[in-house]
Amino acid sequence: MNYQKWEQFLSPYKQAVEELKVKLKGLRSQFELEGEHSPIEFVTGRVKPIASILDKARRKNIPIENIEDEIQDIAGLRIMCQFVDDIKTVVKMLRERHDLEIVEERDYINHKKDSGYRSYHVVAKYPVQTFKGLKKILVEIQIRTLAMNFWATIEHSLNYKYSGNIPEDIKLRLQRAAEAAYRLDEEMSQIREEIREAQVIFSRKTES
C-alpha cells in the first residue's frame, strides 16, 4: 500500500480512538460530578504507526490483506487506574457498554507474563460511522494501575533499545521491579479508603 492508501486504511482507527477517548474521559467527569471516586484516573490512545504494523505483520507472518482481522491493536487505548480493584470496575463497565462488542479478554494481572508484565487487556469491536457506512474496528483497551504502567513503559523502552533481547541481568532486575510495583499496588489497596477520603478533602480545599 502507498502512503495515501495507508491513510485511508487508518482513518477509521483514528476516529475510533478519538471517540472512545472522549467517551471514557466523559465517564470520569460523571463520577467527579457525583462526588464519587472515579475508577478511571486518565485515558490515553494511539493508532499504531505504519512501520510498527508492518513489523508485527512480518514477525507473525500475517499477509497484508489479513492485517485488519489479525492485528488487534492497530487502535489502542490505555485506561489508568489508582487501585487494582478499580481495574475490575472498569472491565465491568466496558462489558456493560452497548457501543462495544467484546471479543476477547486477557488477564495479565492474575496471570502475569514471564517478564513480570501485568495489565488487563480487552479486545473489542467498535462501530465507526464512515461516509461509506458503518465499519466495525478492532480496538485493544489496556487497563492497568499507574505503577503497572510505569513498569511497562520502562520495559518497552528497554525492549526497543535491545531489539527484544534484553540482557539476563536486566531481565532479572525488571522482574524484581515488577514484583515491587505489584506490592506497592497491594499496599495502596489496603489503605484505599484513607487515600480516597484524603483526596476528597484536598479537592474541596483547592476548589474553595
C-alpha atoms as a PDB file:
ATOM      1  CA  MET A   1       0.000   0.000   0.000  1.00  0.00           C
ATOM      2  CA  ASN A   2       1.177   3.514  -0.755  1.00  0.00           C
ATOM      3  CA  TYR A   3       1.010   6.321   1.818  1.00  0.00           C
ATOM      4  CA  GLN A   4      -2.428   7.531   0.681  1.00  0.00           C
ATOM      5  CA  LYS A   5      -3.865   4.005   0.902  1.00  0.00           C
ATOM      6  CA  TRP A   6      -2.449   3.657   4.421  1.00  0.00           C
ATOM      7  CA  GLU A   7      -4.004   6.960   5.464  1.00  0.00           C
ATOM      8  CA  GLN A   8      -7.379   5.814   4.128  1.00  0.00           C
ATOM      9  CA  PHE A   9      -7.000   2.462   5.889  1.00  0.00           C
ATOM     10  CA  LEU A  10      -6.021   4.033   9.244  1.00  0.00           C
ATOM     11  CA  SER A  11      -8.605   6.837   9.198  1.00  0.00           C
ATOM     12  CA  PRO A  12     -11.420   4.791  10.862  1.00  0.00           C
ATOM     13  CA  TYR A  13      -8.957   3.593  13.505  1.00  0.00           C
ATOM     14  CA  LYS A  14      -8.042   7.184  14.337  1.00  0.00           C
ATOM     15  CA  GLN A  15     -11.738   8.045  14.552  1.00  0.00           C
ATOM     16  CA  ALA A  16     -12.384   5.085  16.882  1.00  0.00           C
ATOM     17  CA  VAL A  17      -9.544   6.112  19.224  1.00  0.00           C
ATOM     18  CA  GLU A  18     -10.669   9.745  19.408  1.00  0.00           C
ATOM     19  CA  GLU A  19     -14.335   8.835  20.005  1.00  0.00           C
ATOM     20  CA  LEU A  20     -13.523   6.323  22.736  1.00  0.00           C
ATOM     21  CA  LYS A  21     -11.132   8.728  24.462  1.00  0.00           C
ATOM     22  CA  VAL A  22     -13.917  11.324  24.660  1.00  0.00           C
ATOM     23  CA  LYS A  23     -16.446   8.764  25.937  1.00  0.00           C
ATOM     24  CA  LEU A  24     -14.144   7.281  28.582  1.00  0.00           C
ATOM     25  CA  LYS A  25     -12.958  10.684  29.792  1.00  0.00           C
ATOM     26  CA  GLY A  26     -16.648  11.643  29.982  1.00  0.00           C
ATOM     27  CA  LEU A  27     -17.219   8.732  32.366  1.00  0.00           C
ATOM     28  CA  ARG A  28     -14.526  10.071  34.675  1.00  0.00           C
ATOM     29  CA  SER A  29     -16.186  13.505  34.655  1.00  0.00           C
ATOM     30  CA  GLN A  30     -19.543  11.943  35.570  1.00  0.00           C
ATOM     31  CA  PHE A  31     -18.048  10.278  38.649  1.00  0.00           C
ATOM     32  CA  GLU A  32     -16.472  13.580  39.690  1.00  0.00           C
ATOM     33  CA  LEU A  33     -19.739  15.493  39.248  1.00  0.00           C
ATOM     34  CA  GLU A  34     -21.465  12.955  41.507  1.00  0.00           C
ATOM     35  CA  GLY A  35     -18.708  13.400  44.084  1.00  0.00           C
ATOM     36  CA  GLU A  36     -17.733   9.744  43.768  1.00  0.00           C
ATOM     37  CA  HIS A  37     -14.348   8.074  43.343  1.00  0.00           C
ATOM     38  CA  SER A  38     -13.609   7.571  39.650  1.00  0.00           C
ATOM     39  CA  PRO A  39     -12.091   4.183  38.793  1.00  0.00           C
ATOM     40  CA  ILE A  40     -10.566   5.933  35.762  1.00  0.00           C
ATOM     41  CA  GLU A  41      -7.549   8.105  36.556  1.00  0.00           C
ATOM     42  CA  PHE A  42      -6.801   9.069  32.945  1.00  0.00           C
ATOM     43  CA  VAL A  43      -7.077   7.745  29.396  1.00  0.00           C
ATOM     44  CA  THR A  44      -4.586   7.732  26.526  1.00  0.00           C
ATOM     45  CA  GLY A  45      -4.880   6.392  22.992  1.00  0.00           C
ATOM     46  CA  ARG A  46      -2.930   5.954  19.802  1.00  0.00           C
ATOM     47  CA  VAL A  47      -3.022   4.367  16.362  1.00  0.00           C
ATOM     48  CA  LYS A  48      -0.096   2.045  15.667  1.00  0.00           C
ATOM     49  CA  PRO A  49       2.467   3.606  13.278  1.00  0.00           C
ATOM     50  CA  ILE A  50       2.665   2.053   9.816  1.00  0.00           C
ATOM     51  CA  ALA A  51       6.217   0.764  10.415  1.00  0.00           C
ATOM     52  CA  SER A  52       5.091  -0.999  13.627  1.00  0.00           C
ATOM     53  CA  ILE A  53       2.119  -2.587  11.846  1.00  0.00           C
ATOM     54  CA  LEU A  54       4.373  -3.918   9.074  1.00  0.00           C
ATOM     55  CA  ASP A  55       6.951  -5.138  11.593  1.00  0.00           C
ATOM     56  CA  LYS A  56       4.295  -7.033  13.581  1.00  0.00           C
ATOM     57  CA  ALA A  57       2.852  -8.499  10.377  1.00  0.00           C
ATOM     58  CA  ARG A  58       6.318  -9.761   9.401  1.00  0.00           C
ATOM     59  CA  ARG A  59       7.024 -11.241  12.850  1.00  0.00           C
ATOM     60  CA  LYS A  60       3.682 -13.055  12.946  1.00  0.00           C
ATOM     61  CA  ASN A  61       3.632 -13.981   9.228  1.00  0.00           C
ATOM     62  CA  ILE A  62       0.391 -12.081   8.644  1.00  0.00           C
ATOM     63  CA  PRO A  63      -0.332 -11.242   4.984  1.00  0.00           C
ATOM     64  CA  ILE A  64      -1.085  -7.571   4.289  1.00  0.00           C
ATOM     65  CA  GLU A  65      -4.653  -8.429   3.238  1.00  0.00           C
ATOM     66  CA  ASN A  66      -5.286 -10.041   6.665  1.00  0.00           C
ATOM     67  CA  ILE A  67      -3.932  -7.204   8.829  1.00  0.00           C
ATOM     68  CA  GLU A  68      -7.390  -5.799   9.564  1.00  0.00           C
ATOM     69  CA  ASP A  69      -8.616  -9.095  11.057  1.00  0.00           C
ATOM     70  CA  GLU A  70      -5.438 -10.465  12.643  1.00  0.00           C
ATOM     71  CA  ILE A  71      -3.740  -7.444  14.244  1.00  0.00           C
ATOM     72  CA  GLN A  72      -5.933  -6.475  17.168  1.00  0.00           C
ATOM     73  CA  ASP A  73      -4.054  -3.447  18.481  1.00  0.00           C
ATOM     74  CA  ILE A  74      -3.881  -1.095  15.488  1.00  0.00           C
ATOM     75  CA  ALA A  75      -6.212   1.093  17.536  1.00  0.00           C
ATOM     76  CA  GLY A  76      -5.106   1.090  21.159  1.00  0.00           C
ATOM     77  CA  LEU A  77      -6.320   2.755  24.341  1.00  0.00           C
ATOM     78  CA  ARG A  78      -4.947   2.677  27.878  1.00  0.00           C
ATOM     79  CA  ILE A  79      -7.043   3.305  30.936  1.00  0.00           C
ATOM     80  CA  MET A  80      -5.017   4.110  34.046  1.00  0.00           C
ATOM     81  CA  CYS A  81      -6.436   3.365  37.494  1.00  0.00           C
ATOM     82  CA  GLN A  82      -5.303   4.232  41.012  1.00  0.00           C
ATOM     83  CA  PHE A  83      -6.090   0.856  42.558  1.00  0.00           C
ATOM     84  CA  VAL A  84      -6.130  -2.770  41.380  1.00  0.00           C
ATOM     85  CA  ASP A  85      -9.819  -3.045  42.383  1.00  0.00           C
ATOM     86  CA  ASP A  86     -10.574  -0.148  40.026  1.00  0.00           C
ATOM     87  CA  ILE A  87      -9.461  -2.331  37.123  1.00  0.00           C
ATOM     88  CA  LYS A  88     -12.263  -4.815  37.884  1.00  0.00           C
ATOM     89  CA  THR A  89     -14.760  -1.939  37.973  1.00  0.00           C
ATOM     90  CA  VAL A  90     -13.579  -0.581  34.615  1.00  0.00           C
ATOM     91  CA  VAL A  91     -13.732  -4.031  32.981  1.00  0.00           C
ATOM     92  CA  LYS A  92     -17.287  -4.466  34.280  1.00  0.00           C
ATOM     93  CA  MET A  93     -18.226  -1.048  32.847  1.00  0.00           C
ATOM     94  CA  LEU A  94     -16.776  -1.998  29.458  1.00  0.00           C
ATOM     95  CA  ARG A  95     -18.700  -5.286  29.432  1.00  0.00           C
ATOM     96  CA  GLU A  96     -21.934  -3.409  30.065  1.00  0.00           C
ATOM     97  CA  ARG A  97     -21.477  -0.856  27.273  1.00  0.00           C
ATOM     98  CA  HIS A  98     -23.770  -1.098  24.239  1.00  0.00           C
ATOM     99  CA  ASP A  99     -21.320   0.566  21.848  1.00  0.00           C
ATOM    100  CA  LEU A 100     -18.661  -2.143  22.300  1.00  0.00           C
ATOM    101  CA  GLU A 101     -18.696  -5.820  21.406  1.00  0.00           C
ATOM    102  CA  ILE A 102     -16.011  -7.549  23.457  1.00  0.00           C
ATOM    103  CA  VAL A 103     -14.390 -10.393  21.532  1.00  0.00           C
ATOM    104  CA  GLU A 104     -11.500 -11.296  23.840  1.00  0.00           C
ATOM    105  CA  GLU A 105     -10.177 -10.649  27.357  1.00  0.00           C
ATOM    106  CA  ARG A 106      -6.640 -11.364  28.569  1.00  0.00           C
ATOM    107  CA  ASP A 107      -5.928 -11.190  32.286  1.00  0.00           C
ATOM    108  CA  TYR A 108      -2.226 -10.486  32.751  1.00  0.00           C
ATOM    109  CA  ILE A 109      -2.801  -9.367  36.347  1.00  0.00           C
ATOM    110  CA  ASN A 110      -3.715 -12.740  37.851  1.00  0.00           C
ATOM    111  CA  HIS A 111      -1.686 -14.468  35.125  1.00  0.00           C
ATOM    112  CA  LYS A 112       1.343 -12.225  34.655  1.00  0.00           C
ATOM    113  CA  LYS A 113       3.763 -12.691  31.768  1.00  0.00           C
ATOM    114  CA  ASP A 114       7.179 -14.240  32.434  1.00  0.00           C
ATOM    115  CA  SER A 115       8.732 -10.789  32.112  1.00  0.00           C
ATOM    116  CA  GLY A 116       6.657  -9.562  35.062  1.00  0.00           C
ATOM    117  CA  TYR A 117       4.238  -7.592  32.869  1.00  0.00           C
ATOM    118  CA  ARG A 118       0.808  -7.023  34.394  1.00  0.00           C
ATOM    119  CA  SER A 119      -2.238  -5.451  32.765  1.00  0.00           C
ATOM    120  CA  TYR A 120      -5.792  -6.379  31.746  1.00  0.00           C
ATOM    121  CA  HIS A 121      -6.447  -6.411  28.003  1.00  0.00           C
ATOM    122  CA  VAL A 122      -9.861  -6.153  26.395  1.00  0.00           C
ATOM    123  CA  VAL A 123     -10.236  -6.558  22.635  1.00  0.00           C
ATOM    124  CA  ALA A 124     -13.493  -5.177  21.295  1.00  0.00           C
ATOM    125  CA  LYS A 125     -15.242  -4.304  18.062  1.00  0.00           C
ATOM    126  CA  TYR A 126     -16.244  -0.657  17.928  1.00  0.00           C
ATOM    127  CA  PRO A 127     -18.604   0.701  15.234  1.00  0.00           C
ATOM    128  CA  VAL A 128     -17.375   3.771  13.357  1.00  0.00           C
ATOM    129  CA  GLN A 129     -19.657   5.733  11.052  1.00  0.00           C
ATOM    130  CA  THR A 130     -17.776   6.432   7.807  1.00  0.00           C
ATOM    131  CA  PHE A 131     -19.021   8.045   4.587  1.00  0.00           C
ATOM    132  CA  LYS A 132     -19.226   4.524   3.155  1.00  0.00           C
ATOM    133  CA  GLY A 133     -21.369   3.328   6.060  1.00  0.00           C
ATOM    134  CA  LEU A 134     -20.819   1.584   9.385  1.00  0.00           C
ATOM    135  CA  LYS A 135     -17.448  -0.100   9.890  1.00  0.00           C
ATOM    136  CA  LYS A 136     -16.542  -2.194  12.948  1.00  0.00           C
ATOM    137  CA  ILE A 137     -12.980  -1.598  14.101  1.00  0.00           C
ATOM    138  CA  LEU A 138     -10.949  -3.870  16.378  1.00  0.00           C
ATOM    139  CA  VAL A 139      -9.689  -1.923  19.389  1.00  0.00           C
ATOM    140  CA  GLU A 140      -7.407  -3.123  22.173  1.00  0.00           C
ATOM    141  CA  ILE A 141      -8.022  -1.497  25.563  1.00  0.00           C
ATOM    142  CA  GLN A 142      -5.359  -1.981  28.236  1.00  0.00           C
ATOM    143  CA  ILE A 143      -6.413  -1.332  31.832  1.00  0.00           C
ATOM    144  CA  ARG A 144      -3.676  -1.024  34.435  1.00  0.00           C
ATOM    145  CA  THR A 145      -2.599   0.828  37.561  1.00  0.00           C
ATOM    146  CA  LEU A 146      -0.176   3.745  37.485  1.00  0.00           C
ATOM    147  CA  ALA A 147       2.548   1.501  38.953  1.00  0.00           C
ATOM    148  CA  MET A 148       1.951  -1.176  36.288  1.00  0.00           C
ATOM    149  CA  ASN A 149       2.087   1.493  33.595  1.00  0.00           C
ATOM    150  CA  PHE A 150       5.384   2.924  34.891  1.00  0.00           C
ATOM    151  CA  TRP A 151       6.957  -0.554  34.764  1.00  0.00           C
ATOM    152  CA  ALA A 152       5.516  -1.362  31.318  1.00  0.00           C
ATOM    153  CA  THR A 153       6.795   1.936  29.869  1.00  0.00           C
ATOM    154  CA  ILE A 154      10.342   1.224  31.105  1.00  0.00           C
ATOM    155  CA  GLU A 155      10.248  -2.379  29.867  1.00  0.00           C
ATOM    156  CA  HIS A 156       9.010  -1.234  26.443  1.00  0.00           C
ATOM    157  CA  SER A 157      11.894   1.254  26.155  1.00  0.00           C
ATOM    158  CA  LEU A 158      14.455  -1.412  27.091  1.00  0.00           C
ATOM    159  CA  ASN A 159      12.938  -3.875  24.606  1.00  0.00           C
ATOM    160  CA  TYR A 160      13.315  -1.228  21.905  1.00  0.00           C
ATOM    161  CA  LYS A 161      16.918  -0.479  22.928  1.00  0.00           C
ATOM    162  CA  TYR A 162      17.939  -4.150  22.884  1.00  0.00           C
ATOM    163  CA  SER A 163      15.714  -5.156  19.920  1.00  0.00           C
ATOM    164  CA  GLY A 164      13.779  -7.581  22.128  1.00  0.00           C
ATOM    165  CA  ASN A 165      16.916  -9.260  23.518  1.00  0.00           C
ATOM    166  CA  ILE A 166      17.228  -7.677  26.965  1.00  0.00           C
ATOM    167  CA  PRO A 167      20.343  -8.928  28.840  1.00  0.00           C
ATOM    168  CA  GLU A 168      19.609 -11.516  31.540  1.00  0.00           C
ATOM    169  CA  ASP A 169      20.797  -9.359  34.453  1.00  0.00           C
ATOM    170  CA  ILE A 170      18.472  -6.532  33.398  1.00  0.00           C
ATOM    171  CA  LYS A 171      15.615  -9.030  32.890  1.00  0.00           C
ATOM    172  CA  LEU A 172      16.032 -10.194  36.481  1.00  0.00           C
ATOM    173  CA  ARG A 173      16.037  -6.607  37.753  1.00  0.00           C
ATOM    174  CA  LEU A 174      12.900  -5.903  35.722  1.00  0.00           C
ATOM    175  CA  GLN A 175      11.169  -8.955  37.206  1.00  0.00           C
ATOM    176  CA  ARG A 176      12.070  -7.811  40.723  1.00  0.00           C
ATOM    177  CA  ALA A 177      10.875  -4.298  39.893  1.00  0.00           C
ATOM    178  CA  ALA A 178       7.569  -5.714  38.595  1.00  0.00           C
ATOM    179  CA  GLU A 179       7.016  -7.549  41.888  1.00  0.00           C
ATOM    180  CA  ALA A 180       7.893  -4.409  43.847  1.00  0.00           C
ATOM    181  CA  ALA A 181       5.384  -2.403  41.786  1.00  0.00           C
ATOM    182  CA  TYR A 182       2.694  -5.004  42.451  1.00  0.00           C
ATOM    183  CA  ARG A 183       3.440  -4.994  46.180  1.00  0.00           C
ATOM    184  CA  LEU A 184       3.066  -1.213  46.090  1.00  0.00           C
ATOM    185  CA  ASP A 185      -0.361  -1.641  44.450  1.00  0.00           C
ATOM    186  CA  GLU A 186      -1.365  -4.155  47.113  1.00  0.00           C
ATOM    187  CA  GLU A 187      -0.253  -1.848  49.943  1.00  0.00           C
ATOM    188  CA  MET A 188      -2.144   1.095  48.460  1.00  0.00           C
ATOM    189  CA  SER A 189      -5.237  -1.088  48.099  1.00  0.00           C
ATOM    190  CA  GLN A 190      -5.113  -1.793  51.840  1.00  0.00           C
ATOM    191  CA  ILE A 191      -5.417   1.921  52.650  1.00  0.00           C
ATOM    192  CA  ARG A 192      -7.506   2.986  49.646  1.00  0.00           C
ATOM    193  CA  GLU A 193     -10.393   4.342  51.743  1.00  0.00           C
ATOM    194  CA  GLU A 194      -7.987   6.597  53.650  1.00  0.00           C
ATOM    195  CA  ILE A 195      -6.462   7.752  50.365  1.00  0.00           C
ATOM    196  CA  ARG A 196      -9.869   8.456  48.798  1.00  0.00           C
ATOM    197  CA  GLU A 197     -11.008  10.482  51.819  1.00  0.00           C
ATOM    198  CA  ALA A 198      -7.774  12.477  51.743  1.00  0.00           C
ATOM    199  CA  GLN A 199      -8.231  13.181  48.018  1.00  0.00           C
ATOM    200  CA  VAL A 200     -11.819  14.389  48.569  1.00  0.00           C
ATOM    201  CA  ILE A 201     -10.662  16.740  51.356  1.00  0.00           C
ATOM    202  CA  PHE A 202      -7.802  18.031  49.186  1.00  0.00           C
ATOM    203  CA  SER A 203     -10.121  18.513  46.195  1.00  0.00           C
ATOM    204  CA  ARG A 204     -12.598  20.563  48.273  1.00  0.00           C
ATOM    205  CA  LYS A 205      -9.770  22.672  49.670  1.00  0.00           C
ATOM    206  CA  THR A 206      -8.406  23.536  46.209  1.00  0.00           C
ATOM    207  CA  GLU A 207     -11.906  24.405  44.948  1.00  0.00           C
ATOM    208  CA  SER A 208     -12.666  26.793  47.824  1.00  0.00           C
END
